[in-house]
Structure formats: C-alpha cells, structure tokens
Protein backbone atom coordinates (compact mmCIF):
# COMPACT_ATOMS: atom_id res chain seq x y z
CA UNK A 1 -5.86 -4.17 13.96
CA UNK A 2 -7.26 -3.86 10.03
CA UNK A 3 -10.15 -4.51 9.31
CA UNK A 4 -11.29 -5.33 5.94
CA UNK A 5 -15.18 -5.15 4.09
CA UNK A 6 -17.45 -6.47 6.13
CA UNK A 7 -14.89 -7.54 9.34
CA UNK A 8 -16.03 -6.29 12.85
CA UNK A 9 -14.37 -6.95 16.21
CA UNK A 10 -16.69 -9.04 18.58
CA UNK A 11 -17.45 -7.24 21.89
CA UNK A 12 -14.29 -7.19 24.07
CA UNK A 13 -13.11 -5.35 27.18
CA UNK A 14 -10.01 -4.29 28.52
CA UNK A 15 -9.25 -5.75 32.28
CA UNK A 16 -6.88 -3.46 34.50
CA UNK A 17 -7.38 -0.53 31.90
CA UNK A 18 -9.13 2.97 33.12
CA UNK A 19 -9.39 3.77 28.89
CA UNK A 20 -9.02 2.65 25.90
CA UNK A 21 -10.51 4.32 22.83
CA UNK A 22 -9.53 3.58 18.81
CA UNK A 23 -8.00 5.87 15.96
CA UNK A 24 -8.99 5.74 12.26
CA UNK A 25 -6.42 6.13 9.43
CA UNK A 26 -8.63 4.82 7.18
CA UNK A 27 -12.54 5.11 7.42
CA UNK A 28 -15.01 4.27 5.07
CA UNK A 29 -18.57 7.20 4.85
CA UNK A 30 -21.32 3.56 5.10
CA UNK A 31 -18.52 2.44 8.48
CA UNK A 32 -20.09 0.33 11.22
CA UNK A 33 -20.24 2.15 14.21
CA UNK A 34 -17.72 1.91 17.41
CA UNK A 35 -20.08 0.71 20.36
CA UNK A 36 -18.95 0.33 23.44
CA UNK A 37 -20.48 -0.81 26.67
CA UNK A 38 -20.13 -1.25 30.17
CA UNK A 39 -19.53 -4.22 31.13
CA UNK A 40 -19.83 -3.72 34.71
CA UNK A 41 -23.44 -4.82 35.89
CA UNK A 42 -24.07 -3.12 38.97
CA UNK A 43 -22.48 0.32 37.26
CA UNK A 44 -26.18 0.25 36.08
CA UNK A 45 -27.80 -0.02 38.98
CA UNK A 46 -27.91 3.08 40.21
CA UNK A 47 -27.90 5.72 36.30
CA UNK A 48 -28.52 9.47 36.53
CA UNK A 49 -31.57 10.67 34.92
CA UNK A 50 -31.15 10.36 31.17
CA UNK A 51 -31.74 13.55 31.22
CA UNK A 52 -28.11 13.54 32.99
CA UNK A 53 -26.65 11.22 31.05
CA UNK A 54 -22.77 12.07 28.88
CA UNK A 55 -20.81 9.19 27.00
CA UNK A 56 -18.59 8.82 29.92
CA UNK A 57 -21.95 8.14 32.40
CA UNK A 58 -23.86 6.30 29.56
CA UNK A 59 -23.98 1.91 30.17
CA UNK A 60 -23.18 1.91 25.58
CA UNK A 61 -23.05 3.93 23.42
CA UNK A 62 -22.20 4.18 19.39
CA UNK A 63 -19.86 6.25 17.75
CA UNK A 64 -19.51 6.95 14.25
CA UNK A 65 -15.90 6.72 12.72
CA UNK A 66 -14.31 10.11 11.67
CA UNK A 67 -11.04 9.62 9.85
CA UNK A 68 -7.94 11.07 11.77
CA UNK A 69 -9.51 10.83 14.94
C-alpha cells in the first residue's frame, strides 16, 4: 500500500492472523505513527501490572515509522 501526504488507513484487523506488520520503504520525518490496538475486549480484563507491560501485552501501542524497517 502506498499512502501519499495526509493519507491514512482506518483501524482494521486481520482475521485469523497471528501477527501483522508493516515495512516502510520510505518514511518522511513527519510521518504519522503506526498504531496497533488489540480489539479483543476480553483480552483487556486481565492485564499485567503497568510495569510488566511489553509490546506483546500492552493493549495499544504506536510506533514511529523508520525507513527500511
């Protein structure tokens, strides 16, 4: 997918997928972040303590785009 200036993608999911991701060929310095959110309501009921949250257990996280990654 190629997004031009001011473009965005709606929050969506990938059913039956264990892992989803994005690869940035190019990313301007002021590019918006890549937002991941676990939409499973029941998964948010028993979260670990805040100090124990990781990118794999946090309900929502945003990453800064980095070219080539």
